[in-house]
Protein backbone atom coordinates (compact mmCIF):
# COMPACT_ATOMS: atom_id res chain seq x y z
CA MET A 1 31.83 -23.14 17.03
CA PRO A 2 32.97 -19.53 17.48
CA GLU A 3 32.15 -17.56 14.33
CA LEU A 4 33.85 -14.46 12.94
CA PRO A 5 32.13 -11.99 15.32
CA GLU A 6 33.17 -14.08 18.32
CA VAL A 7 36.77 -14.15 17.12
CA GLU A 8 36.75 -10.41 16.40
CA THR A 9 35.25 -9.79 19.84
CA THR A 10 38.06 -11.86 21.34
CA ARG A 11 40.68 -9.88 19.40
CA ARG A 12 39.29 -6.58 20.61
CA GLY A 13 38.95 -7.88 24.16
CA ILE A 14 42.49 -9.19 24.63
CA ALA A 15 44.42 -6.67 22.51
CA PRO A 16 44.65 -3.83 25.09
CA TYR A 17 46.23 -6.19 27.65
CA ILE A 18 48.95 -7.80 25.55
CA GLU A 19 49.83 -5.56 22.60
CA GLY A 20 53.31 -4.11 22.99
CA GLN A 21 54.08 -6.37 25.95
CA GLU A 22 57.22 -8.45 26.36
CA VAL A 23 56.70 -12.18 26.83
CA THR A 24 58.41 -13.48 29.97
CA GLU A 25 57.17 -17.06 30.12
CA VAL A 26 55.21 -19.63 28.11
CA LEU A 27 53.48 -22.56 29.81
CA VAL A 28 52.18 -25.44 27.70
CA ARG A 29 50.12 -27.83 29.82
CA GLN A 30 48.67 -29.81 26.92
CA PRO A 31 50.61 -29.79 23.62
CA ARG A 32 48.28 -32.23 21.83
CA LEU A 33 45.80 -29.89 20.17
CA ARG A 34 44.40 -30.30 16.64
CA VAL A 35 47.84 -29.21 15.47
CA PRO A 36 50.54 -30.03 18.05
CA VAL A 37 51.86 -26.94 19.84
CA PRO A 38 55.21 -26.03 18.21
CA ASP A 39 58.17 -27.35 20.18
CA ASP A 40 59.92 -23.98 19.84
CA LEU A 41 56.97 -21.88 21.04
CA ALA A 42 58.54 -20.87 24.37
CA GLU A 43 62.03 -20.51 22.92
CA ARG A 44 60.88 -18.07 20.24
CA LEU A 45 58.39 -16.13 22.37
CA VAL A 46 60.24 -15.46 25.60
CA GLY A 47 62.00 -12.12 25.34
CA ALA A 48 60.04 -11.11 22.26
CA ARG A 49 57.34 -8.44 22.12
CA ILE A 50 53.73 -8.81 20.97
CA GLY A 51 52.67 -6.58 18.09
CA GLY A 52 49.24 -5.38 17.00
CA LEU A 53 46.70 -8.21 16.89
CA MET A 54 44.96 -8.90 13.60
CA ARG A 55 42.28 -11.29 12.37
CA ARG A 56 41.87 -13.12 9.07
CA ALA A 57 38.58 -15.00 8.79
CA LYS A 58 38.37 -16.95 12.08
CA TYR A 59 42.13 -16.96 12.63
CA LEU A 60 43.76 -14.63 15.14
CA GLN A 61 47.12 -13.36 13.92
CA ILE A 62 49.53 -12.31 16.68
CA PRO A 63 52.70 -10.63 15.34
CA ILE A 64 55.79 -11.33 17.41
CA GLN A 65 58.46 -8.64 17.14
CA ALA A 66 62.16 -9.42 17.30
CA GLY A 67 63.58 -10.38 20.67
CA GLY A 68 64.75 -13.49 22.49
CA ALA A 69 65.43 -16.30 20.01
CA LEU A 70 63.91 -14.09 17.31
CA GLU A 71 66.75 -11.60 17.67
CA GLY A 72 68.02 -10.83 14.19
CA ASP A 73 64.73 -11.90 12.56
CA ALA A 74 62.33 -9.23 11.34
CA SER A 75 59.28 -10.81 12.95
CA ALA A 76 57.08 -13.88 13.10
CA THR A 77 53.34 -14.37 13.43
CA LEU A 78 51.37 -16.77 15.58
CA LEU A 79 48.22 -18.14 14.00
CA TRP A 80 45.61 -19.01 16.63
CA HIS A 81 42.36 -20.83 15.88
CA LEU A 82 39.72 -21.42 18.55
CA GLY A 83 38.33 -24.61 17.04
CA MET A 84 34.89 -25.67 18.25
CA SER A 85 35.11 -24.82 21.92
CA GLY A 86 38.24 -22.77 22.45
CA SER A 87 38.54 -19.34 24.02
CA LEU A 88 41.33 -16.89 24.81
CA ARG A 89 41.02 -15.04 28.09
CA ILE A 90 43.06 -12.54 30.03
CA ALA A 91 44.21 -13.75 33.45
CA ARG A 92 46.68 -12.35 35.96
CA VAL A 93 49.89 -13.97 37.10
CA GLY A 94 48.92 -16.12 40.09
CA ASP A 95 45.40 -16.94 38.84
CA LEU A 96 45.07 -20.70 39.09
CA PRO A 97 44.39 -22.45 35.77
CA LYS A 98 41.18 -24.36 35.25
CA LYS A 99 40.76 -27.76 33.69
CA HIS A 100 41.36 -27.52 29.92
CA ASP A 101 43.51 -24.37 30.23
CA HIS A 102 46.22 -25.62 27.88
CA VAL A 103 48.52 -22.70 27.03
CA ASP A 104 49.60 -19.55 28.92
CA VAL A 105 51.55 -16.67 27.40
CA VAL A 106 52.79 -14.55 30.33
CA THR A 107 53.73 -10.89 29.84
CA ALA A 108 55.96 -8.54 31.79
CA SER A 109 52.93 -6.48 32.81
CA GLY A 110 51.54 -9.42 34.78
CA TYR A 111 48.78 -10.26 32.34
CA VAL A 112 48.45 -13.79 30.98
CA LEU A 113 46.94 -14.77 27.65
CA ARG A 114 45.29 -18.08 28.56
CA TYR A 115 43.95 -20.60 26.04
CA HIS A 116 41.07 -22.84 27.15
CA ASP A 117 39.79 -25.64 24.91
CA PRO A 118 37.85 -28.63 26.28
CA ARG A 119 37.64 -30.40 22.91
CA ARG A 120 41.16 -29.50 21.76
CA PHE A 121 40.07 -28.81 18.18
CA GLY A 122 41.81 -25.43 18.14
CA PHE A 123 45.49 -24.75 17.66
CA VAL A 124 48.34 -22.28 17.90
CA ASP A 125 51.00 -22.49 15.22
CA TRP A 126 53.51 -20.36 13.36
CA GLN A 127 52.13 -18.72 10.24
CA ALA A 128 54.16 -19.09 7.06
CA ALA A 129 56.51 -16.13 6.55
CA ASP A 130 54.58 -15.30 3.37
CA ALA A 131 50.91 -15.40 4.40
CA ALA A 132 49.92 -15.93 0.77
CA GLN A 133 51.80 -19.25 0.88
CA ASP A 134 50.15 -20.45 4.09
CA LYS A 135 47.71 -23.15 2.99
CA ARG A 136 45.30 -22.18 5.78
CA LEU A 137 44.97 -18.62 4.45
CA ALA A 138 45.80 -18.79 0.77
CA HIS A 139 42.35 -19.63 -0.59
CA LEU A 140 40.15 -17.54 1.69
CA GLY A 141 37.63 -15.17 0.18
CA PRO A 142 37.33 -11.48 1.07
CA GLU A 143 36.53 -10.18 4.52
CA PRO A 144 32.77 -9.49 4.70
CA LEU A 145 33.16 -5.98 6.11
CA SER A 146 35.68 -4.96 3.44
CA ASP A 147 34.97 -3.08 0.21
CA ALA A 148 36.05 -6.18 -1.74
CA PHE A 149 32.87 -7.95 -0.65
CA ASN A 150 29.77 -6.66 -2.42
CA GLY A 151 26.82 -7.71 -4.55
CA LYS A 152 28.84 -7.63 -7.75
CA TRP A 153 31.34 -10.10 -6.27
CA LEU A 154 28.57 -12.51 -5.22
CA TYR A 155 26.75 -12.19 -8.52
CA THR A 156 29.89 -12.85 -10.57
CA LEU A 157 30.92 -15.93 -8.58
CA SER A 158 27.42 -17.38 -8.57
CA ARG A 159 26.75 -17.49 -12.30
CA ASN A 160 25.68 -20.96 -13.51
CA LYS A 161 25.96 -22.41 -10.00
CA ARG A 162 23.20 -24.82 -9.04
CA VAL A 163 24.17 -25.04 -5.37
CA ALA A 164 21.64 -23.47 -3.01
CA VAL A 165 22.42 -19.87 -2.11
CA LYS A 166 22.92 -20.55 1.61
CA PRO A 167 25.79 -23.06 1.29
CA PHE A 168 27.19 -20.85 -1.50
CA LEU A 169 27.28 -17.93 0.93
CA MET A 170 28.89 -20.10 3.61
CA ASP A 171 31.78 -21.12 1.33
CA ASN A 172 34.95 -19.52 2.73
CA GLN A 173 36.30 -19.09 -0.79
CA VAL A 174 33.30 -16.87 -1.57
CA VAL A 175 33.43 -14.82 1.64
CA VAL A 176 34.79 -15.56 5.10
CA GLY A 177 32.72 -15.35 8.23
CA ALA A 178 29.21 -16.03 6.91
CA GLY A 179 28.72 -19.09 9.10
CA ASN A 180 25.45 -20.91 9.64
CA ILE A 181 23.94 -18.46 12.11
CA TYR A 182 24.82 -15.30 10.24
CA ALA A 183 24.05 -16.68 6.77
CA ALA A 184 20.54 -17.60 7.95
CA GLU A 185 20.02 -14.16 9.43
CA ALA A 186 21.38 -12.32 6.38
CA LEU A 187 19.20 -14.31 3.96
CA PHE A 188 16.17 -13.47 6.07
CA MET A 189 17.05 -9.78 6.09
CA ALA A 190 17.47 -9.85 2.29
CA GLY A 191 14.25 -11.82 1.79
CA ILE A 192 15.96 -14.66 -0.10
CA ASP A 193 14.88 -18.30 0.20
CA PRO A 194 17.98 -20.26 1.30
CA ARG A 195 17.00 -23.09 -1.09
CA ARG A 196 17.14 -20.91 -4.21
CA ALA A 197 19.97 -21.83 -6.60
CA ALA A 198 22.84 -19.36 -6.27
CA GLY A 199 22.89 -18.87 -10.03
CA ARG A 200 19.23 -17.83 -10.04
CA VAL A 201 19.63 -14.88 -7.68
CA SER A 202 19.64 -11.49 -9.39
CA ARG A 203 22.33 -8.83 -9.06
CA ALA A 204 19.91 -6.55 -7.20
CA ARG A 205 19.16 -9.27 -4.66
CA TYR A 206 22.85 -9.99 -4.21
CA ASP A 207 23.39 -6.29 -3.53
CA ALA A 208 20.80 -6.58 -0.76
CA LEU A 209 22.36 -9.80 0.54
CA ALA A 210 25.88 -8.35 0.72
CA LEU A 211 24.55 -5.39 2.70
CA ALA A 212 22.63 -7.74 4.99
CA VAL A 213 25.77 -9.81 5.67
CA LYS A 214 27.67 -6.64 6.56
CA ASP A 215 24.84 -5.41 8.80
CA VAL A 216 24.32 -8.66 10.68
CA LEU A 217 28.04 -9.23 11.29
CA ALA A 218 28.65 -5.62 12.33
CA ALA A 219 25.75 -5.82 14.77
CA ALA A 220 27.04 -9.09 16.21
CA ILE A 221 30.53 -7.66 16.70
CA THR A 222 29.13 -4.53 18.35
CA GLN A 223 27.09 -6.62 20.77
CA GLY A 224 29.91 -9.00 21.64
CA GLY A 225 29.27 -12.00 19.44
CA THR A 226 26.53 -14.59 19.58
CA THR A 227 25.83 -16.36 22.85
CA LEU A 228 26.86 -19.98 22.39
CA ARG A 229 27.36 -22.46 25.18
CA ASP A 230 31.14 -22.55 24.81
CA PHE A 231 31.96 -18.99 23.77
CA VAL A 232 33.14 -16.25 26.06
CA SER A 233 35.01 -13.09 25.20
CA GLY A 234 38.51 -12.12 26.29
CA GLN A 235 37.28 -11.03 29.71
CA GLY A 236 35.07 -14.08 30.20
CA GLU A 237 31.82 -12.31 29.31
CA PRO A 238 29.30 -14.02 27.01
CA GLY A 239 28.10 -12.39 23.81
CA TYR A 240 24.64 -10.91 23.53
CA PHE A 241 23.66 -11.06 19.89
CA ALA A 242 21.54 -14.19 20.34
CA GLN A 243 18.86 -12.04 21.93
CA ARG A 244 18.20 -10.45 18.52
CA LEU A 245 18.19 -13.48 16.20
CA ASN A 246 15.25 -13.44 13.78
CA VAL A 247 15.25 -17.00 12.47
CA TYR A 248 18.19 -19.08 13.72
CA GLY A 249 17.02 -21.49 16.44
CA ARG A 250 13.39 -20.29 16.16
CA HIS A 251 11.85 -23.00 13.94
CA GLY A 252 8.17 -23.56 14.66
CA GLN A 253 7.80 -20.06 16.06
CA PRO A 254 6.07 -17.17 14.28
CA CYS A 255 8.09 -14.92 12.01
CA LEU A 256 8.77 -11.61 13.73
CA ARG A 257 7.98 -9.82 10.46
CA CYS A 258 4.90 -11.53 8.96
CA GLY A 259 3.76 -14.05 11.58
CA ALA A 260 4.18 -17.15 9.38
CA GLU A 261 5.55 -20.26 11.06
CA LEU A 262 9.31 -20.54 10.59
CA ARG A 263 10.46 -23.75 8.88
CA ARG A 264 13.60 -25.81 9.43
CA ILE A 265 15.28 -27.66 6.56
CA THR A 266 18.71 -29.17 5.91
CA LEU A 267 21.04 -27.61 3.35
CA GLY A 268 24.61 -28.76 2.86
CA GLN A 269 24.24 -31.01 5.92
CA ARG A 270 23.46 -27.97 8.08
CA ALA A 271 20.13 -27.07 9.65
CA SER A 272 18.59 -23.91 8.25
CA VAL A 273 15.58 -21.95 9.44
CA PHE A 274 13.70 -19.54 7.16
CA CYS A 275 10.33 -17.84 6.73
CA PRO A 276 8.29 -19.21 3.81
CA GLY A 277 6.31 -15.96 3.77
CA CYS A 278 9.13 -13.42 3.70
CA GLN A 279 11.85 -15.33 1.85
CA ARG A 280 11.33 -16.03 -1.84
């Protein structure tokens, strides 16, 4: 499943081609996604202009400025989620669609925003006018690279919690974007055993963990996201961060720091790899 760095990489990759562009056509080849494609998608988009792309957690937010059927409205926002296997690419008018290319948003410049999703677990839908009232966004925690996310925040939320620290960190109400790969890497960098109860981690160690989350996500974004079988960026290029993973996917191999054999366990129904020598 594409994680936050993959979605941010996608946002940065497609933004230069579609921001400020007028939509001239919308093609929906397969409307039956996880959430059915809105019936009025083409009606509201054609003639409108695409604003500056944003991201909230793993949702892409695409502002649509007044025009077409939106004339007289201030704006609207498309909420796009890539699901487990989805990707957004830039194509050119005339490029033949591939199997599982479900939605095209065509712009006056000749660029096409093309949505590909073999498993159809993603969706495109209208965001509620008041984002705070949109049930998909209302209960999300802070962005991990923002000032709102820090050791004090983690320490405060974790008091008296018996849940292991790794699933605690992966809770989207605690912080968005610390998915399985990046939580494992951050806990390794901070030297924290993923099995330790969240309420038994000190403030100093949470300070280190918050910094590690920021570092590992920033590095992944810089390098284009993590290479997963299904993920490609806006231009169709795979990410490269997988080449630098310290623990994820390396169980049974020696720790790159101390040489101990990395162990794999299950926490919160997710596989987790850690170093019994470095993580306490």
